[in-house]
Amino acid sequence: MKKFHTAGLLLAGMWTVFASSNVCLARSPAPDKKIEPGVSSQDEAAIQRIIEVGRTDNQVMQHLDVLSNHIGARLTGSAALQEAGRWAVDRFKDFGLENARIIEAGTIPVGFYRGQQSGWMIEPQKKPLYFGTSAWSAGTKGVLRAPALLAPSKEEFEEKKDTLKGAWVLTERRERRRRRGSAGDEASKEQEKAQEEQQAKLVSDEELIKAGITGLVRSAQSERIITGGRWPNSWEERPTTPCINMGKSDFDEIRELLKAGREVVLEFDIRNYFCKGPAGFPDVIADIPGTDFPDEYVIIGGHLDSHDEGTGTVDDGVGVATSMEAARILMVSGVRPRRTIRFMLWGAEEQGCYGSKNYVRDNPDLMAKISAVLVHDLGSNYLSSIRITRSMQEDFEKILAPVKSLNPEYPFSIEIVETVKKGSSDHDAFIEKGVPGFLWRQSGRADYSVGHTQRDTYDKAVAEYQKHSAIVVALTAYGVAQLDHLISRAEMSNEEKADIPNTESSPR
């Protein structure tokens, strides 16, 4: 692990030297493209420069390459996440942003590192098994070979629990995946409810572990293995029983062998281990200062942390890369926003949005000065829409006019909703305080379901989508910064709010 991160740091440093030579580019001439109505003439030249730089000198995939392939997975509390934070600060400084810095956003009580792992079916025939383990799950402390048994039903448990001791126990209790972005349709809700009811009929993991089993073997939903997890509350509470998330085809094969009365022996060697905390996690902040309203903010960002069996590209390396490239495009374009554009890369999103929550908690006086928070965290498709309220519509029609005419292959729409609601990402903490927070909606051919799995790797990012999205982020950030007033808060969600005045009719 130490060797890997040293190499990653050296490569990231080499990239910094290379990329910094491209920061001070001459301004490109504005293309002959007419801006849609609604954009003031004084901003047209700046908007055209942003578009031209984004089209001809887009470096978003280079940022993503360093983050995903050189640094790699960035689990909360890990050395890799800290390294990613240092790298991001250095890059923001290279771009020319001000006040680029790391804020130690919080700590966790137990760190986690994942080593090599292997798994085999030994009997009735030898074959390798396809599986994974969740973060903060126990390792085997060497090779563990034991018979496999099916978990009994609740009615059978008391009668059969003594036979489970020392066995790998297959349970139908499936891995859970966090819903993102929306509550889902009624059919999805009904399906999820039925699954939860079925799961409730099974013997709990805790009961099986108390019976003295060697370890749990659970079925994944497919061949995508969910690797997410959450740290224990203390060193004393760390788990000691291995828990395997097995690919569905291998799980189904073993289950059918056991149902047919065949003897099955499994062997696992899993080198997961824990480190005593506290282990810190960072937030990264950098500013393009405003000229007219420097103490008012537009916040742009994504989360720097990831899960740790892939490389954290789709969730959320792309959000980090588009945010960083938007910052670079704005600086190279030479635009001067009226209010400060603050770029934020948060830590510990995957375990509960702790980086953004702690930032909001620690900066209560700032909430009234934030016009909008725009978060990219739904994968590697292109940014295609935003949900706003009626009172925000006039402003966003103006702000997003250049985005709508940017590329007909990637259409953009505005969806009017009754109220701005949370969506399970870093904008939520701001919404709770009455700040307009938005999670970009997305469209395209990319597969978001690889997030939280071992398949979340650099090759899953669609380059043309990321280049386009970086321009969208830059244009929107600049548009919000140029308004005469803050974005309206008239129809915000009925969440907890700070005492923030409505600025709908407060032009400057």
Protein backbone atom coordinates (compact mmCIF):
# COMPACT_ATOMS: atom_id res chain seq x y z
CA MET A 1 0.00 0.00 0.00
CA LYS A 2 2.78 2.43 0.90
CA LYS A 3 4.65 1.62 -2.28
CA PHE A 4 1.53 2.21 -4.38
CA HIS A 5 0.75 5.58 -2.90
CA THR A 6 4.37 6.77 -3.21
CA ALA A 7 4.29 5.92 -6.89
CA GLY A 8 0.93 7.62 -7.26
CA LEU A 9 2.23 10.77 -5.60
CA LEU A 10 5.27 10.89 -7.88
CA LEU A 11 3.13 10.44 -10.97
CA ALA A 12 0.68 13.08 -9.78
CA GLY A 13 3.60 15.43 -9.17
CA MET A 14 4.97 14.79 -12.66
CA TRP A 15 1.55 15.52 -14.09
CA THR A 16 1.37 18.76 -12.10
CA VAL A 17 4.62 19.99 -13.65
CA PHE A 18 3.44 19.04 -17.14
CA ALA A 19 -0.05 20.50 -16.84
CA SER A 20 1.05 23.73 -15.16
CA SER A 21 2.86 24.71 -18.34
CA ASN A 22 -0.54 24.91 -20.03
CA VAL A 23 -2.20 27.19 -17.51
CA CYS A 24 -1.18 30.56 -18.91
CA LEU A 25 -2.67 30.10 -22.37
CA ALA A 26 -3.46 33.10 -24.54
CA ARG A 27 -7.11 33.95 -24.77
CA SER A 28 -8.69 32.36 -27.80
CA PRO A 29 -10.71 34.55 -30.18
CA ALA A 30 -14.46 34.41 -29.70
CA PRO A 31 -16.20 32.22 -32.28
CA ASP A 32 -18.89 33.64 -34.56
CA LYS A 33 -21.77 32.19 -32.54
CA LYS A 34 -24.76 34.24 -31.43
CA ILE A 35 -25.78 33.96 -27.79
CA GLU A 36 -29.44 33.22 -27.13
CA PRO A 37 -31.66 36.07 -25.90
CA GLY A 38 -31.49 36.73 -22.18
CA VAL A 39 -27.72 37.13 -21.88
CA SER A 40 -26.53 40.70 -21.45
CA SER A 41 -24.22 42.02 -24.16
CA GLN A 42 -21.49 42.78 -21.61
CA ASP A 43 -21.22 39.03 -20.83
CA GLU A 44 -21.29 37.71 -24.39
CA ALA A 45 -17.54 37.98 -24.97
CA ALA A 46 -16.78 36.25 -21.65
CA ILE A 47 -19.25 33.45 -22.42
CA GLN A 48 -17.74 32.90 -25.86
CA ARG A 49 -14.24 32.68 -24.36
CA ILE A 50 -15.45 30.07 -21.86
CA ILE A 51 -16.99 28.01 -24.66
CA GLU A 52 -13.93 28.31 -26.91
CA VAL A 53 -11.46 27.26 -24.19
CA GLY A 54 -13.72 24.38 -23.19
CA ARG A 55 -13.91 23.14 -26.77
CA THR A 56 -10.30 23.58 -27.87
CA ASP A 57 -8.28 23.06 -24.70
CA ASN A 58 -10.34 20.77 -22.47
CA GLN A 59 -8.26 18.88 -19.88
CA VAL A 60 -11.00 17.19 -17.86
CA MET A 61 -9.89 13.66 -18.77
CA GLN A 62 -6.34 14.44 -17.73
CA HIS A 63 -7.55 15.40 -14.25
CA LEU A 64 -9.64 12.23 -14.13
CA ASP A 65 -6.69 10.09 -15.23
CA VAL A 66 -4.52 11.30 -12.36
CA LEU A 67 -7.30 10.97 -9.81
CA SER A 68 -8.46 7.50 -10.92
CA ASN A 69 -5.38 5.79 -12.31
CA HIS A 70 -2.47 7.40 -10.47
CA ILE A 71 -4.02 7.97 -7.05
CA GLY A 72 -6.83 5.43 -7.31
CA ALA A 73 -9.54 4.51 -4.83
CA ARG A 74 -10.04 7.12 -2.10
CA LEU A 75 -11.82 5.55 0.85
CA THR A 76 -12.71 7.87 3.72
CA GLY A 77 -9.87 7.92 6.24
CA SER A 78 -7.31 6.52 3.80
CA ALA A 79 -3.90 7.85 2.82
CA ALA A 80 -5.09 7.95 -0.80
CA LEU A 81 -7.88 10.39 0.05
CA GLN A 82 -5.41 12.68 1.79
CA GLU A 83 -3.09 12.44 -1.22
CA ALA A 84 -5.97 13.33 -3.55
CA GLY A 85 -6.71 16.39 -1.42
CA ARG A 86 -3.11 17.62 -1.63
CA TRP A 87 -3.03 17.02 -5.38
CA ALA A 88 -6.29 18.96 -5.92
CA VAL A 89 -5.03 21.93 -3.90
CA ASP A 90 -1.82 22.01 -5.96
CA ARG A 91 -3.78 21.93 -9.19
CA PHE A 92 -6.13 24.73 -8.11
CA LYS A 93 -3.07 26.82 -7.25
CA ASP A 94 -1.55 26.05 -10.65
CA PHE A 95 -4.77 27.26 -12.28
CA GLY A 96 -4.42 30.55 -10.41
CA LEU A 97 -7.30 30.25 -7.95
CA GLU A 98 -6.98 31.96 -4.58
CA ASN A 99 -7.16 30.57 -1.04
CA ALA A 100 -6.72 26.97 -2.28
CA ARG A 101 -6.51 24.87 0.85
CA ILE A 102 -7.47 21.72 2.70
CA ILE A 103 -9.89 21.86 5.60
CA GLU A 104 -9.70 18.85 7.90
CA ALA A 105 -13.40 18.18 7.74
CA GLY A 106 -13.58 15.45 10.36
CA THR A 107 -12.24 12.15 11.65
CA ILE A 108 -13.41 8.57 11.85
CA PRO A 109 -12.67 6.18 14.74
CA VAL A 110 -11.40 3.23 12.68
CA GLY A 111 -9.43 3.22 9.44
CA PHE A 112 -9.60 0.41 6.87
CA TYR A 113 -7.17 -1.01 4.32
CA ARG A 114 -7.91 -3.71 1.78
CA GLY A 115 -5.25 -6.20 0.78
CA GLN A 116 -5.21 -9.17 -1.59
CA GLN A 117 -8.04 -11.68 -1.52
CA SER A 118 -8.83 -15.04 -3.06
CA GLY A 119 -11.69 -17.51 -2.82
CA TRP A 120 -12.19 -21.07 -4.04
CA MET A 121 -14.74 -23.81 -4.07
CA ILE A 122 -12.66 -26.86 -3.07
CA GLU A 123 -15.37 -29.57 -3.13
CA PRO A 124 -17.11 -31.05 -5.07
CA GLN A 125 -14.77 -29.55 -7.69
CA LYS A 126 -12.11 -26.87 -7.48
CA LYS A 127 -12.86 -23.51 -9.07
CA PRO A 128 -12.11 -19.84 -8.28
CA LEU A 129 -14.98 -17.77 -6.92
CA TYR A 130 -16.01 -14.28 -7.93
CA PHE A 131 -16.64 -12.17 -4.84
CA GLY A 132 -15.87 -9.01 -2.92
CA THR A 133 -16.12 -7.64 0.59
CA SER A 134 -17.50 -4.40 1.95
CA ALA A 135 -15.23 -1.73 3.37
CA TRP A 136 -14.73 -2.11 7.13
CA SER A 137 -15.51 -5.82 6.95
CA ALA A 138 -13.30 -8.40 8.62
CA GLY A 139 -10.52 -10.32 6.94
CA THR A 140 -9.78 -14.00 7.46
CA LYS A 141 -6.35 -13.67 9.14
CA GLY A 142 -5.02 -16.38 6.85
CA VAL A 143 -6.65 -19.13 4.82
CA LEU A 144 -10.02 -20.29 6.14
CA ARG A 145 -11.34 -23.57 4.70
CA ALA A 146 -14.69 -24.86 5.94
CA PRO A 147 -17.84 -26.64 4.76
CA ALA A 148 -20.66 -24.56 3.30
CA LEU A 149 -24.22 -24.76 4.62
CA LEU A 150 -27.48 -23.03 3.79
CA ALA A 151 -28.83 -20.69 6.44
CA PRO A 152 -31.93 -22.20 8.10
CA SER A 153 -35.25 -20.42 8.14
CA LYS A 154 -36.36 -18.64 11.29
CA GLU A 155 -38.56 -21.59 12.16
CA GLU A 156 -35.63 -24.03 11.78
CA PHE A 157 -32.96 -21.92 13.44
CA GLU A 158 -33.17 -23.13 17.03
CA GLU A 159 -33.13 -26.75 15.88
CA LYS A 160 -30.20 -26.36 13.46
CA LYS A 161 -28.05 -23.60 14.92
CA ASP A 162 -25.58 -26.00 16.56
CA THR A 163 -24.77 -27.51 13.14
CA LEU A 164 -23.71 -24.11 11.80
CA LYS A 165 -20.63 -23.74 14.00
CA GLY A 166 -17.44 -23.53 11.94
CA ALA A 167 -19.25 -23.35 8.56
CA TRP A 168 -19.42 -20.82 5.74
CA VAL A 169 -23.16 -20.04 5.80
CA LEU A 170 -24.98 -18.96 2.66
CA THR A 171 -27.74 -16.48 3.37
CA GLU A 172 -30.27 -15.01 0.95
CA ARG A 173 -29.89 -11.65 2.66
CA ARG A 174 -28.70 -9.49 -0.21
CA GLU A 175 -26.39 -6.53 -0.29
CA ARG A 176 -28.16 -3.16 -0.15
CA ARG A 177 -27.63 -0.33 -2.60
CA ARG A 178 -28.31 3.29 -1.69
CA ARG A 179 -30.85 5.01 -3.89
CA ARG A 180 -29.56 8.19 -5.51
CA GLY A 181 -31.07 11.28 -7.03
CA SER A 182 -34.79 10.55 -6.67
CA ALA A 183 -37.28 8.55 -4.70
CA GLY A 184 -38.03 6.29 -7.69
CA ASP A 185 -41.37 5.42 -9.28
CA GLU A 186 -44.21 3.59 -7.55
CA ALA A 187 -43.29 0.22 -9.12
CA SER A 188 -39.74 0.52 -7.79
CA LYS A 189 -41.02 1.43 -4.34
CA GLU A 190 -43.33 -1.58 -4.29
CA GLN A 191 -40.53 -3.89 -5.42
CA GLU A 192 -38.20 -2.54 -2.75
CA LYS A 193 -40.90 -2.96 -0.10
CA ALA A 194 -41.46 -6.58 -1.13
CA GLN A 195 -37.75 -7.27 -0.95
CA GLU A 196 -37.51 -5.76 2.51
CA GLU A 197 -40.43 -7.89 3.71
CA GLN A 198 -38.75 -11.01 2.33
CA GLN A 199 -35.45 -10.10 3.97
CA ALA A 200 -37.22 -9.65 7.32
CA LYS A 201 -38.23 -13.32 7.25
CA LEU A 202 -34.62 -14.49 7.21
CA VAL A 203 -32.43 -15.28 10.19
CA SER A 204 -30.40 -12.16 10.97
CA ASP A 205 -26.66 -11.97 10.39
CA GLU A 206 -26.19 -11.32 14.10
CA GLU A 207 -27.94 -14.58 15.05
CA LEU A 208 -25.83 -16.55 12.60
CA ILE A 209 -22.60 -15.00 13.88
CA LYS A 210 -23.57 -15.80 17.49
CA ALA A 211 -23.97 -19.42 16.41
CA GLY A 212 -20.21 -19.55 15.80
CA ILE A 213 -20.06 -19.66 12.00
CA THR A 214 -16.76 -19.19 10.15
CA GLY A 215 -18.26 -16.52 7.92
CA LEU A 216 -21.26 -15.27 5.97
CA VAL A 217 -21.69 -15.64 2.21
CA ARG A 218 -24.31 -13.33 0.70
CA SER A 219 -25.55 -13.12 -2.86
CA ALA A 220 -24.91 -10.00 -4.89
CA GLN A 221 -27.74 -8.69 -7.04
CA SER A 222 -25.67 -9.51 -10.15
CA GLU A 223 -21.99 -9.87 -11.05
CA ARG A 224 -21.45 -6.32 -9.82
CA ILE A 225 -20.19 -6.56 -6.26
CA ILE A 226 -21.16 -3.72 -3.93
CA THR A 227 -18.11 -2.75 -1.89
CA GLY A 228 -19.50 0.13 0.15
CA GLY A 229 -19.44 0.13 3.90
CA ARG A 230 -19.37 2.24 7.03
CA TRP A 231 -16.86 2.39 9.81
CA PRO A 232 -17.64 0.94 13.28
CA ASN A 233 -18.30 3.45 16.01
CA SER A 234 -15.24 2.38 17.99
CA TRP A 235 -12.20 0.11 17.80
CA GLU A 236 -13.92 -2.33 20.14
CA GLU A 237 -16.92 -2.62 17.79
CA ARG A 238 -14.97 -3.58 14.68
CA PRO A 239 -16.32 -6.80 13.10
CA THR A 240 -14.44 -10.09 13.48
CA THR A 241 -16.48 -12.45 11.27
CA PRO A 242 -15.76 -12.34 7.51
CA CYS A 243 -18.70 -11.46 5.27
CA ILE A 244 -18.49 -12.35 1.59
CA ASN A 245 -20.51 -10.64 -1.17
CA MET A 246 -20.48 -13.28 -3.93
CA GLY A 247 -21.34 -12.87 -7.60
CA LYS A 248 -24.84 -14.16 -8.25
CA SER A 249 -23.88 -16.98 -10.65
CA ASP A 250 -21.36 -18.52 -8.23
CA PHE A 251 -23.74 -18.11 -5.30
CA ASP A 252 -26.57 -19.76 -7.21
CA GLU A 253 -24.35 -22.68 -8.23
CA ILE A 254 -23.26 -23.37 -4.64
CA ARG A 255 -26.80 -23.03 -3.34
CA GLU A 256 -28.12 -25.56 -5.87
CA LEU A 257 -25.36 -28.03 -4.97
CA LEU A 258 -26.30 -27.75 -1.30
CA LYS A 259 -30.00 -28.13 -2.03
CA ALA A 260 -29.16 -31.32 -3.96
CA GLY A 261 -27.43 -32.71 -0.87
CA ARG A 262 -23.88 -32.35 -2.17
CA GLU A 263 -21.00 -31.59 0.19
CA VAL A 264 -19.45 -28.19 -0.58
CA VAL A 265 -16.18 -26.90 0.89
CA LEU A 266 -15.14 -23.27 0.46
CA GLU A 267 -11.81 -21.54 1.09
CA PHE A 268 -11.14 -17.80 1.45
CA ASP A 269 -8.03 -15.75 2.11
CA ILE A 270 -8.95 -12.08 2.67
CA ARG A 271 -6.34 -9.55 3.80
CA ASN A 272 -8.60 -6.80 5.14
CA TYR A 273 -7.30 -5.00 8.20
CA PHE A 274 -8.19 -2.09 10.48
CA CYS A 275 -6.20 0.84 11.85
CA LYS A 276 -6.93 2.64 15.08
CA GLY A 277 -8.19 6.17 14.57
CA PRO A 278 -8.76 8.94 14.58
CA ALA A 279 -8.27 9.00 10.81
CA GLY A 280 -8.98 12.33 9.16
CA PHE A 281 -10.73 13.21 5.92
CA PRO A 282 -10.40 16.49 3.99
CA ASP A 283 -12.54 19.05 2.23
CA VAL A 284 -10.77 21.00 -0.52
CA ILE A 285 -11.67 24.65 -1.17
CA ALA A 286 -10.47 27.17 -3.78
CA ASP A 287 -11.90 30.52 -4.90
CA ILE A 288 -12.22 32.76 -7.92
CA PRO A 289 -12.89 36.04 -6.05
CA GLY A 290 -15.84 38.20 -7.04
CA THR A 291 -15.40 41.79 -8.16
CA ASP A 292 -18.67 43.36 -7.00
CA PHE A 293 -19.90 40.97 -4.29
CA PRO A 294 -16.81 39.14 -3.04
CA ASP A 295 -18.54 38.02 0.16
CA GLU A 296 -21.33 36.23 -1.76
CA TYR A 297 -20.75 32.78 -3.22
CA VAL A 298 -21.61 30.30 -5.92
CA ILE A 299 -20.44 26.86 -4.78
CA ILE A 300 -19.45 24.26 -7.37
CA GLY A 301 -18.33 20.75 -6.50
CA GLY A 302 -18.40 17.00 -6.14
CA HIS A 303 -17.05 14.54 -3.59
CA LEU A 304 -13.40 13.54 -3.47
CA ASP A 305 -13.85 10.26 -1.60
CA SER A 306 -14.90 6.98 -3.18
CA HIS A 307 -15.31 3.31 -2.41
CA ASP A 308 -12.21 1.21 -2.65
CA GLU A 309 -12.39 -1.83 -4.93
CA GLY A 310 -12.69 0.15 -8.16
CA THR A 311 -10.90 3.47 -8.73
CA GLY A 312 -13.79 5.82 -7.91
CA THR A 313 -14.17 7.18 -11.44
CA VAL A 314 -17.93 7.20 -11.93
CA ASP A 315 -18.64 7.92 -8.26
CA ASP A 316 -17.41 10.59 -8.06
CA GLY A 317 -14.16 11.16 -9.91
CA VAL A 318 -16.05 12.67 -12.83
CA GLY A 319 -17.71 15.22 -10.54
CA VAL A 320 -14.32 16.23 -9.17
CA ALA A 321 -12.77 16.41 -12.65
CA THR A 322 -15.55 18.53 -14.20
CA SER A 323 -15.47 20.91 -11.23
CA MET A 324 -11.70 21.30 -11.49
CA GLU A 325 -11.79 21.75 -15.25
CA ALA A 326 -14.57 24.34 -14.93
CA ALA A 327 -12.27 26.28 -12.60
CA ARG A 328 -9.38 26.02 -15.04
CA ILE A 329 -11.54 27.06 -18.02
CA LEU A 330 -12.76 30.14 -16.17
CA MET A 331 -9.23 31.14 -15.21
CA VAL A 332 -7.81 30.60 -18.71
CA SER A 333 -10.76 32.53 -20.16
CA GLY A 334 -9.83 35.50 -18.01
CA VAL A 335 -13.39 36.16 -16.85
CA ARG A 336 -14.01 38.20 -13.72
CA PRO A 337 -17.18 37.06 -11.93
CA ARG A 338 -19.17 39.55 -9.91
CA ARG A 339 -19.50 37.25 -6.91
CA THR A 340 -17.02 34.65 -5.67
CA ILE A 341 -17.12 31.21 -7.28
CA ARG A 342 -16.01 28.69 -4.67
CA PHE A 343 -14.96 25.22 -5.77
CA MET A 344 -15.41 22.54 -3.13
CA LEU A 345 -14.42 18.86 -3.15
CA TRP A 346 -15.95 17.16 -0.13
CA GLY A 347 -14.80 14.14 1.87
CA ALA A 348 -16.79 11.29 3.44
CA GLU A 349 -19.82 11.67 1.15
CA GLU A 350 -20.15 7.92 0.71
CA GLN A 351 -20.69 7.29 4.40
CA GLY A 352 -23.22 10.09 4.97
CA CYS A 353 -22.07 13.40 3.40
CA TYR A 354 -19.99 14.27 6.45
CA GLY A 355 -17.63 16.64 4.65
CA SER A 356 -20.42 18.92 3.45
CA LYS A 357 -22.48 18.54 6.63
CA ASN A 358 -19.53 19.56 8.78
CA TYR A 359 -18.73 22.51 6.52
CA VAL A 360 -22.31 23.78 6.80
CA ARG A 361 -22.27 23.20 10.57
CA ASP A 362 -19.01 25.12 10.99
CA ASN A 363 -19.98 28.08 8.77
CA PRO A 364 -23.51 29.15 9.81
CA ASP A 365 -22.93 32.82 8.97
CA LEU A 366 -22.02 31.93 5.40
CA MET A 367 -25.35 30.34 4.49
CA ALA A 368 -27.17 33.64 3.87
CA LYS A 369 -24.45 34.65 1.41
CA ILE A 370 -24.58 31.59 -0.85
CA SER A 371 -26.57 32.09 -4.05
CA ALA A 372 -26.54 28.44 -5.15
CA VAL A 373 -24.75 25.12 -4.68
CA LEU A 374 -24.35 22.95 -7.80
CA VAL A 375 -23.18 19.35 -7.33
CA HIS A 376 -22.08 16.83 -9.98
CA ASP A 377 -22.59 13.36 -8.48
CA LEU A 378 -24.72 11.08 -10.64
CA GLY A 379 -22.11 9.43 -12.82
CA SER A 380 -20.44 9.93 -16.17
CA ASN A 381 -23.36 10.82 -18.44
CA TYR A 382 -23.64 14.39 -19.70
CA LEU A 383 -25.38 17.09 -17.66
CA SER A 384 -28.81 17.37 -19.23
CA SER A 385 -31.22 19.15 -16.87
CA ILE A 386 -31.77 20.87 -13.58
CA ARG A 387 -34.80 21.02 -11.30
CA ILE A 388 -35.76 24.50 -10.14
CA THR A 389 -38.80 26.27 -8.73
CA ARG A 390 -41.01 28.79 -10.49
CA SER A 391 -39.48 31.72 -8.58
CA MET A 392 -36.03 30.72 -9.88
CA GLN A 393 -37.12 30.27 -13.49
CA GLU A 394 -36.42 33.74 -14.88
CA ASP A 395 -32.87 33.73 -13.53
CA PHE A 396 -32.07 30.21 -14.70
CA GLU A 397 -33.52 30.80 -18.18
CA LYS A 398 -30.98 33.60 -18.51
CA ILE A 399 -28.13 31.68 -16.89
CA LEU A 400 -28.66 28.53 -18.95
CA ALA A 401 -29.37 30.11 -22.35
CA PRO A 402 -25.75 29.52 -23.49
CA VAL A 403 -25.93 25.94 -22.19
CA LYS A 404 -29.10 25.20 -24.13
CA SER A 405 -27.46 26.31 -27.40
CA LEU A 406 -24.09 24.71 -26.66
CA ASN A 407 -24.47 21.40 -28.51
CA PRO A 408 -27.66 19.98 -30.06
CA GLU A 409 -26.34 16.45 -29.51
CA TYR A 410 -26.52 17.07 -25.76
CA PRO A 411 -29.82 18.88 -25.18
CA PHE A 412 -30.43 20.64 -21.88
CA SER A 413 -33.79 21.25 -20.23
CA ILE A 414 -35.14 23.07 -17.18
CA GLU A 415 -37.66 21.17 -15.07
CA ILE A 416 -40.00 23.21 -12.89
CA VAL A 417 -40.84 21.63 -9.51
CA GLU A 418 -42.89 22.82 -6.57
CA THR A 419 -39.94 22.85 -4.21
CA VAL A 420 -36.23 22.10 -4.20
CA LYS A 421 -35.67 18.77 -2.46
CA LYS A 422 -32.72 16.78 -1.23
CA GLY A 423 -31.14 14.05 -3.35
CA SER A 424 -28.63 12.07 -1.26
CA SER A 425 -25.51 14.09 -2.02
CA ASP A 426 -23.51 17.05 -0.75
CA HIS A 427 -26.09 19.71 -1.67
CA ASP A 428 -28.46 18.27 0.95
CA ALA A 429 -26.77 19.91 3.92
CA PHE A 430 -27.15 23.32 2.26
CA ILE A 431 -30.81 22.71 1.39
CA GLU A 432 -31.47 21.96 5.07
CA LYS A 433 -30.37 25.52 5.80
CA GLY A 434 -32.53 27.04 3.06
CA VAL A 435 -29.72 27.46 0.52
CA PRO A 436 -30.69 26.61 -3.10
CA GLY A 437 -28.85 23.34 -3.76
CA PHE A 438 -28.97 21.37 -6.99
CA LEU A 439 -27.86 17.94 -8.16
CA TRP A 440 -27.33 17.94 -11.92
CA ARG A 441 -29.61 15.53 -13.81
CA GLN A 442 -27.89 13.48 -16.52
CA SER A 443 -28.55 11.58 -19.75
CA GLY A 444 -26.54 9.34 -22.06
CA ARG A 445 -25.23 5.85 -22.66
CA ALA A 446 -22.92 5.53 -19.63
CA ASP A 447 -23.76 2.97 -16.92
CA TYR A 448 -24.10 4.58 -13.49
CA SER A 449 -24.76 1.23 -11.81
CA VAL A 450 -21.02 0.44 -11.76
CA GLY A 451 -20.70 2.95 -8.92
CA HIS A 452 -19.94 1.39 -5.51
CA THR A 453 -18.61 -1.73 -7.27
CA GLN A 454 -15.31 -3.20 -8.40
CA ARG A 455 -16.18 -2.06 -11.95
CA ASP A 456 -16.03 1.66 -11.19
CA THR A 457 -12.93 2.33 -13.27
CA TYR A 458 -11.54 4.95 -15.66
CA ASP A 459 -12.71 3.18 -18.81
CA LYS A 460 -16.35 3.72 -17.77
CA ALA A 461 -16.09 7.50 -18.21
CA VAL A 462 -17.29 8.83 -21.59
CA ALA A 463 -14.74 11.47 -22.56
CA GLU A 464 -16.97 13.63 -24.77
CA TYR A 465 -19.59 13.76 -22.01
CA GLN A 466 -17.08 14.95 -19.44
CA LYS A 467 -15.70 17.62 -21.76
CA HIS A 468 -19.19 18.91 -22.45
CA SER A 469 -20.18 18.79 -18.78
CA ALA A 470 -17.13 20.79 -17.71
CA ILE A 471 -18.24 23.60 -20.05
CA VAL A 472 -21.80 23.40 -18.68
CA VAL A 473 -20.50 23.73 -15.12
CA ALA A 474 -18.26 26.68 -16.04
CA LEU A 475 -21.03 28.54 -17.88
CA THR A 476 -23.56 27.99 -15.10
CA ALA A 477 -21.16 29.02 -12.35
CA TYR A 478 -20.36 32.21 -14.23
CA GLY A 479 -24.04 32.90 -14.97
CA VAL A 480 -25.09 32.61 -11.31
CA ALA A 481 -22.15 34.78 -10.30
CA GLN A 482 -23.20 37.54 -12.71
CA LEU A 483 -26.75 38.01 -11.42
CA ASP A 484 -27.71 41.28 -9.74
CA HIS A 485 -29.15 39.32 -6.82
CA LEU A 486 -29.02 35.95 -5.09
CA ILE A 487 -31.12 33.05 -6.38
CA SER A 488 -34.64 33.09 -4.92
CA ARG A 489 -35.35 31.04 -1.81
CA ALA A 490 -39.13 31.51 -1.94
CA GLU A 491 -40.08 27.88 -2.62
CA MET A 492 -37.43 25.92 -0.84
CA SER A 493 -38.14 22.51 0.70
CA ASN A 494 -39.74 22.39 4.14
CA GLU A 495 -36.49 21.15 5.62
CA GLU A 496 -34.69 22.81 8.52
CA LYS A 497 -33.73 26.31 7.38
CA ALA A 498 -31.53 29.07 8.66
CA ASP A 499 -33.09 32.49 9.16
CA ILE A 500 -32.30 33.64 5.63
CA PRO A 501 -34.26 36.46 3.96
CA ASN A 502 -35.92 35.93 0.59
CA THR A 503 -33.92 37.75 -2.08
CA GLU A 504 -36.33 37.24 -4.96
CA SER A 505 -36.99 40.96 -5.45
CA SER A 506 -33.73 42.43 -4.21
CA PRO A 507 -31.82 43.46 -7.36
CA ARG A 508 -28.56 45.34 -6.96
